Amino acid sequence: RESFLWHRLKHRNVLPFLGVCYFERLSHCPTLISPYCEFGAVMEYLKRHQANRLTIVRQIGMGLQYLHDNRVVHGDLKTNNVLIDSEGVPLLADFGRSKLVDHHGYTTTLAAAWRYVAGEVMHHEPSTEMGMGTGTGVPNVMLSKKSDVYSFGMTALEVSVSTQTDSLPNSAISDPQRPHALLLPLE
């Protein structure tokens, strides 16, 4: 599914899809091939390079706008899924949760970084999607263009202040509940 969606995406700020490789011993598990991004994820890049952070945020936004213009919800936008190419250009990567959607979005399970997920898109029903059993304690998440925009905002915040959101206020929230206000220290 990921390769089917990813191979049709062609944009300067989207990691190119080169193909699929099947290893004989792992025939049930294809490997998706993309260009190597020597600088790694955006936060690692920013630790070692001077860069215009606003330009990086803008380019991430352009990649996301391209996805949305083509009815694609990324579903897992975060700094670890923004890679930097050899020219210092950010590329959206990891389309494992991406889907073509209508305006309603789609539902999936999510057991990842809650700080990137908009609180209003979550509900606490056990997942039965794709044969995943119930009782896992993992809530379903309604992903949409709007939830991508929230994730973009969190990503933009991290890139702008050069701090992982683990050290930002309210980042220690381990379940999918969000406070009604984000309290930032006045300094």
C-alpha atoms as a PDB file:
ATOM      1  CA  ARG A   1       0.000   0.000   0.000  1.00  0.00           C
ATOM      2  CA  GLU A   2       2.759   2.465   0.894  1.00  0.00           C
ATOM      3  CA  SER A   3       4.595   1.963  -2.400  1.00  0.00           C
ATOM      4  CA  PHE A   4       1.375   2.292  -4.424  1.00  0.00           C
ATOM      5  CA  LEU A   5       0.718   5.731  -2.968  1.00  0.00           C
ATOM      6  CA  TRP A   6       4.305   6.931  -2.663  1.00  0.00           C
ATOM      7  CA  HIS A   7       5.373   6.149  -6.245  1.00  0.00           C
ATOM      8  CA  ARG A   8       2.912   8.692  -7.701  1.00  0.00           C
ATOM      9  CA  LEU A   9       4.178  11.579  -5.555  1.00  0.00           C
ATOM     10  CA  LYS A  10       6.552  13.908  -7.417  1.00  0.00           C
ATOM     11  CA  HIS A  11       7.535  17.132  -5.648  1.00  0.00           C
ATOM     12  CA  ARG A  12      10.775  18.860  -4.665  1.00  0.00           C
ATOM     13  CA  ASN A  13       9.914  18.466  -0.970  1.00  0.00           C
ATOM     14  CA  VAL A  14       8.797  14.827  -1.072  1.00  0.00           C
ATOM     15  CA  LEU A  15      11.373  12.039  -0.814  1.00  0.00           C
ATOM     16  CA  PRO A  16      11.497  10.324  -4.238  1.00  0.00           C
ATOM     17  CA  PHE A  17      10.407   6.700  -4.529  1.00  0.00           C
ATOM     18  CA  LEU A  18      12.874   4.652  -6.578  1.00  0.00           C
ATOM     19  CA  GLY A  19      11.410   1.162  -6.374  1.00  0.00           C
ATOM     20  CA  VAL A  20      10.821  -2.021  -4.406  1.00  0.00           C
ATOM     21  CA  CYS A  21      13.325  -4.743  -3.604  1.00  0.00           C
ATOM     22  CA  TYR A  22      12.420  -8.256  -2.492  1.00  0.00           C
ATOM     23  CA  PHE A  23      15.027 -10.284  -0.642  1.00  0.00           C
ATOM     24  CA  GLU A  24      14.837 -14.031  -1.131  1.00  0.00           C
ATOM     25  CA  ARG A  25      14.776 -14.803   2.596  1.00  0.00           C
ATOM     26  CA  LEU A  26      12.278 -12.025   3.311  1.00  0.00           C
ATOM     27  CA  SER A  27       9.940 -12.402   0.340  1.00  0.00           C
ATOM     28  CA  HIS A  28       6.937 -11.472   2.477  1.00  0.00           C
ATOM     29  CA  CYS A  29       8.538  -8.144   3.387  1.00  0.00           C
ATOM     30  CA  PRO A  30       9.429  -5.821   0.495  1.00  0.00           C
ATOM     31  CA  THR A  31      12.025  -3.099   0.987  1.00  0.00           C
ATOM     32  CA  LEU A  32      11.120   0.316  -0.393  1.00  0.00           C
ATOM     33  CA  ILE A  33      14.017   2.128  -2.060  1.00  0.00           C
ATOM     34  CA  SER A  34      14.638   5.883  -1.928  1.00  0.00           C
ATOM     35  CA  PRO A  35      17.688   8.116  -2.339  1.00  0.00           C
ATOM     36  CA  TYR A  36      20.093   8.183   0.593  1.00  0.00           C
ATOM     37  CA  CYS A  37      19.812  11.393   2.609  1.00  0.00           C
ATOM     38  CA  GLU A  38      23.260  11.838   4.109  1.00  0.00           C
ATOM     39  CA  PHE A  39      22.187  14.586   6.505  1.00  0.00           C
ATOM     40  CA  GLY A  40      19.456  12.485   8.105  1.00  0.00           C
ATOM     41  CA  ALA A  41      16.411  13.945   9.819  1.00  0.00           C
ATOM     42  CA  VAL A  42      15.909  17.698  10.043  1.00  0.00           C
ATOM     43  CA  MET A  43      16.767  18.050  13.745  1.00  0.00           C
ATOM     44  CA  GLU A  44      20.083  16.225  13.304  1.00  0.00           C
ATOM     45  CA  TYR A  45      20.850  18.479  10.345  1.00  0.00           C
ATOM     46  CA  LEU A  46      20.118  21.618  12.366  1.00  0.00           C
ATOM     47  CA  LYS A  47      22.484  20.530  15.139  1.00  0.00           C
ATOM     48  CA  ARG A  48      25.389  20.509  12.690  1.00  0.00           C
ATOM     49  CA  HIS A  49      24.535  23.130  10.060  1.00  0.00           C
ATOM     50  CA  GLN A  50      23.581  26.777   9.928  1.00  0.00           C
ATOM     51  CA  ALA A  51      20.301  26.959   8.062  1.00  0.00           C
ATOM     52  CA  ASN A  52      17.435  29.349   7.528  1.00  0.00           C
ATOM     53  CA  ARG A  53      14.820  27.676   9.731  1.00  0.00           C
ATOM     54  CA  LEU A  54      11.959  29.675   8.240  1.00  0.00           C
ATOM     55  CA  THR A  55      12.918  28.433   4.768  1.00  0.00           C
ATOM     56  CA  ILE A  56      12.955  24.852   6.040  1.00  0.00           C
ATOM     57  CA  VAL A  57       9.520  25.273   7.641  1.00  0.00           C
ATOM     58  CA  ARG A  58       8.182  26.853   4.439  1.00  0.00           C
ATOM     59  CA  GLN A  59       9.524  23.980   2.319  1.00  0.00           C
ATOM     60  CA  ILE A  60       8.015  21.382   4.658  1.00  0.00           C
ATOM     61  CA  GLY A  61       4.721  23.255   4.299  1.00  0.00           C
ATOM     62  CA  MET A  62       5.043  23.250   0.507  1.00  0.00           C
ATOM     63  CA  GLY A  63       5.524  19.480   0.537  1.00  0.00           C
ATOM     64  CA  LEU A  64       2.492  19.036   2.769  1.00  0.00           C
ATOM     65  CA  GLN A  65       0.405  21.352   0.579  1.00  0.00           C
ATOM     66  CA  TYR A  66       1.374  19.251  -2.447  1.00  0.00           C
ATOM     67  CA  LEU A  67       0.194  16.102  -0.646  1.00  0.00           C
ATOM     68  CA  HIS A  68      -3.106  17.718   0.325  1.00  0.00           C
ATOM     69  CA  ASP A  69      -3.636  19.130  -3.179  1.00  0.00           C
ATOM     70  CA  ASN A  70      -3.363  15.525  -4.380  1.00  0.00           C
ATOM     71  CA  ARG A  71      -5.798  14.221  -1.737  1.00  0.00           C
ATOM     72  CA  VAL A  72      -3.056  12.565   0.309  1.00  0.00           C
ATOM     73  CA  VAL A  73      -2.978  12.700   4.100  1.00  0.00           C
ATOM     74  CA  HIS A  74       0.533  12.036   5.404  1.00  0.00           C
ATOM     75  CA  GLY A  75      -0.684  10.762   8.763  1.00  0.00           C
ATOM     76  CA  ASP A  76       2.695  10.755  10.524  1.00  0.00           C
ATOM     77  CA  LEU A  77       4.333  14.141   9.970  1.00  0.00           C
ATOM     78  CA  LYS A  78       7.051  14.841  12.540  1.00  0.00           C
ATOM     79  CA  THR A  79      10.673  15.944  12.504  1.00  0.00           C
ATOM     80  CA  ASN A  80      11.942  12.359  12.263  1.00  0.00           C
ATOM     81  CA  ASN A  81       9.985  12.014   9.002  1.00  0.00           C
ATOM     82  CA  VAL A  82      11.539  15.085   7.391  1.00  0.00           C
ATOM     83  CA  LEU A  83      14.875  14.158   5.816  1.00  0.00           C
ATOM     84  CA  ILE A  84      17.442  16.584   4.427  1.00  0.00           C
ATOM     85  CA  ASP A  85      18.961  15.923   1.004  1.00  0.00           C
ATOM     86  CA  SER A  86      22.528  16.710  -0.088  1.00  0.00           C
ATOM     87  CA  GLU A  87      21.506  20.274  -1.024  1.00  0.00           C
ATOM     88  CA  GLY A  88      19.946  20.996   2.384  1.00  0.00           C
ATOM     89  CA  VAL A  89      16.369  20.671   1.107  1.00  0.00           C
ATOM     90  CA  PRO A  90      13.791  19.087   3.445  1.00  0.00           C
ATOM     91  CA  LEU A  91      11.918  16.063   2.075  1.00  0.00           C
ATOM     92  CA  LEU A  92       8.765  14.559   3.554  1.00  0.00           C
ATOM     93  CA  ALA A  93       9.321  10.842   4.118  1.00  0.00           C
ATOM     94  CA  ASP A  94       7.683   7.732   5.614  1.00  0.00           C
ATOM     95  CA  PHE A  95       4.367   7.261   3.868  1.00  0.00           C
ATOM     96  CA  GLY A  96       3.423   4.147   5.843  1.00  0.00           C
ATOM     97  CA  ARG A  97       0.348   5.821   7.359  1.00  0.00           C
ATOM     98  CA  SER A  98      -0.501   7.905   4.291  1.00  0.00           C
ATOM     99  CA  LYS A  99      -3.747   7.445   2.407  1.00  0.00           C
ATOM    100  CA  LEU A 100      -5.806   8.978  -0.336  1.00  0.00           C
ATOM    101  CA  VAL A 101      -8.800  10.530   1.355  1.00  0.00           C
ATOM    102  CA  ASP A 102     -11.977  12.410   0.814  1.00  0.00           C
ATOM    103  CA  HIS A 103     -12.757  15.337   3.078  1.00  0.00           C
ATOM    104  CA  HIS A 104     -13.675  13.022   5.989  1.00  0.00           C
ATOM    105  CA  GLY A 105     -10.221  11.533   6.528  1.00  0.00           C
ATOM    106  CA  TYR A 106      -9.611   7.962   7.643  1.00  0.00           C
ATOM    107  CA  THR A 107      -9.186   6.019  10.855  1.00  0.00           C
ATOM    108  CA  THR A 108      -6.078   4.117  11.873  1.00  0.00           C
ATOM    109  CA  THR A 109      -4.350   2.996  15.028  1.00  0.00           C
ATOM    110  CA  LEU A 110      -1.484   5.079  16.248  1.00  0.00           C
ATOM    111  CA  ALA A 111       1.067   4.137  18.874  1.00  0.00           C
ATOM    112  CA  ALA A 112       3.548   6.892  18.173  1.00  0.00           C
ATOM    113  CA  ALA A 113       4.415  10.396  19.356  1.00  0.00           C
ATOM    114  CA  TRP A 114       1.201  11.856  20.791  1.00  0.00           C
ATOM    115  CA  ARG A 115       2.589  15.370  20.770  1.00  0.00           C
ATOM    116  CA  TYR A 116       2.211  15.459  16.990  1.00  0.00           C
ATOM    117  CA  VAL A 117      -1.444  14.369  17.002  1.00  0.00           C
ATOM    118  CA  ALA A 118      -4.273  16.878  17.373  1.00  0.00           C
ATOM    119  CA  GLY A 119      -6.323  16.080  20.471  1.00  0.00           C
ATOM    120  CA  GLU A 120      -9.690  16.493  18.776  1.00  0.00           C
ATOM    121  CA  VAL A 121      -9.008  13.721  16.252  1.00  0.00           C
ATOM    122  CA  MET A 122      -8.616  10.989  18.859  1.00  0.00           C
ATOM    123  CA  HIS A 123     -11.178   8.636  20.305  1.00  0.00           C
ATOM    124  CA  HIS A 124     -10.591   5.706  22.627  1.00  0.00           C
ATOM    125  CA  GLU A 125     -12.079   2.699  20.891  1.00  0.00           C
ATOM    126  CA  PRO A 126      -9.964  -0.453  20.595  1.00  0.00           C
ATOM    127  CA  SER A 127      -8.714  -1.121  17.099  1.00  0.00           C
ATOM    128  CA  THR A 128      -9.987  -3.965  14.983  1.00  0.00           C
ATOM    129  CA  GLU A 129      -8.683  -2.491  11.740  1.00  0.00           C
ATOM    130  CA  MET A 130      -6.651  -4.791   9.506  1.00  0.00           C
ATOM    131  CA  GLY A 131      -6.928  -7.738  11.901  1.00  0.00           C
ATOM    132  CA  MET A 132      -5.310  -5.927  14.788  1.00  0.00           C
ATOM    133  CA  GLY A 133      -6.808  -7.316  17.956  1.00  0.00           C
ATOM    134  CA  THR A 134      -8.688  -5.361  20.567  1.00  0.00           C
ATOM    135  CA  GLY A 135      -7.591  -4.704  24.091  1.00  0.00           C
ATOM    136  CA  THR A 136      -4.261  -3.187  23.098  1.00  0.00           C
ATOM    137  CA  GLY A 137      -5.057   0.081  24.805  1.00  0.00           C
ATOM    138  CA  VAL A 138      -4.086   1.922  21.626  1.00  0.00           C
ATOM    139  CA  PRO A 139      -6.753   4.410  20.593  1.00  0.00           C
ATOM    140  CA  ASN A 140      -7.922   4.872  17.055  1.00  0.00           C
ATOM    141  CA  VAL A 141      -7.043   8.185  15.480  1.00  0.00           C
ATOM    142  CA  MET A 142      -9.074   9.971  12.815  1.00  0.00           C
ATOM    143  CA  LEU A 143      -6.413  11.335  10.493  1.00  0.00           C
ATOM    144  CA  SER A 144      -7.237  14.114   8.063  1.00  0.00           C
ATOM    145  CA  LYS A 145      -5.745  17.148   6.387  1.00  0.00           C
ATOM    146  CA  LYS A 146      -6.572  19.056   9.563  1.00  0.00           C
ATOM    147  CA  SER A 147      -4.632  16.620  11.737  1.00  0.00           C
ATOM    148  CA  ASP A 148      -1.712  16.920   9.299  1.00  0.00           C
ATOM    149  CA  VAL A 149      -1.816  20.705   9.756  1.00  0.00           C
ATOM    150  CA  TYR A 150      -1.611  20.262  13.534  1.00  0.00           C
ATOM    151  CA  SER A 151       1.364  17.919  13.083  1.00  0.00           C
ATOM    152  CA  PHE A 152       2.934  20.482  10.757  1.00  0.00           C
ATOM    153  CA  GLY A 153       2.543  23.121  13.475  1.00  0.00           C
ATOM    154  CA  MET A 154       4.349  20.944  16.009  1.00  0.00           C
ATOM    155  CA  THR A 155       7.050  20.167  13.450  1.00  0.00           C
ATOM    156  CA  ALA A 156       7.418  23.873  12.604  1.00  0.00           C
ATOM    157  CA  LEU A 157       7.708  24.695  16.304  1.00  0.00           C
ATOM    158  CA  GLU A 158      10.513  22.172  16.785  1.00  0.00           C
ATOM    159  CA  VAL A 159      12.399  23.371  13.717  1.00  0.00           C
ATOM    160  CA  SER A 160      11.947  27.033  14.682  1.00  0.00           C
ATOM    161  CA  VAL A 161      13.175  26.743  18.257  1.00  0.00           C
ATOM    162  CA  SER A 162      15.642  23.927  17.513  1.00  0.00           C
ATOM    163  CA  THR A 163      14.359  21.916  20.436  1.00  0.00           C
ATOM    164  CA  GLN A 164      12.748  18.503  20.410  1.00  0.00           C
ATOM    165  CA  THR A 165       9.235  18.844  21.774  1.00  0.00           C
ATOM    166  CA  ASP A 166      10.261  16.482  24.586  1.00  0.00           C
ATOM    167  CA  SER A 167      11.641  19.573  26.285  1.00  0.00           C
ATOM    168  CA  LEU A 168       8.698  21.848  25.484  1.00  0.00           C
ATOM    169  CA  PRO A 169       5.832  22.435  27.923  1.00  0.00           C
ATOM    170  CA  ASN A 170       3.150  19.716  27.928  1.00  0.00           C
ATOM    171  CA  SER A 171       5.381  17.293  26.008  1.00  0.00           C
ATOM    172  CA  ALA A 172       5.399  14.740  28.819  1.00  0.00           C
ATOM    173  CA  ILE A 173       1.798  13.851  28.075  1.00  0.00           C
ATOM    174  CA  SER A 174       1.934  10.119  27.496  1.00  0.00           C
ATOM    175  CA  ASP A 175      -1.686   9.489  26.625  1.00  0.00           C
ATOM    176  CA  PRO A 176      -3.752  11.084  23.868  1.00  0.00           C
ATOM    177  CA  GLN A 177      -5.323  13.750  26.076  1.00  0.00           C
ATOM    178  CA  ARG A 178      -4.348  17.352  25.571  1.00  0.00           C
ATOM    179  CA  PRO A 179      -4.780  20.228  28.007  1.00  0.00           C
ATOM    180  CA  HIS A 180      -7.113  23.058  27.063  1.00  0.00           C
ATOM    181  CA  ALA A 181      -4.194  25.503  26.923  1.00  0.00           C
ATOM    182  CA  LEU A 182      -0.520  25.349  26.121  1.00  0.00           C
ATOM    183  CA  LEU A 183       1.419  27.173  28.809  1.00  0.00           C
ATOM    184  CA  LEU A 184       4.631  28.724  27.540  1.00  0.00           C
ATOM    185  CA  PRO A 185       6.997  30.482  29.943  1.00  0.00           C
ATOM    186  CA  LEU A 186       7.336  34.217  29.420  1.00  0.00           C
ATOM    187  CA  GLU A 187      11.014  35.076  29.167  1.00  0.00           C
END
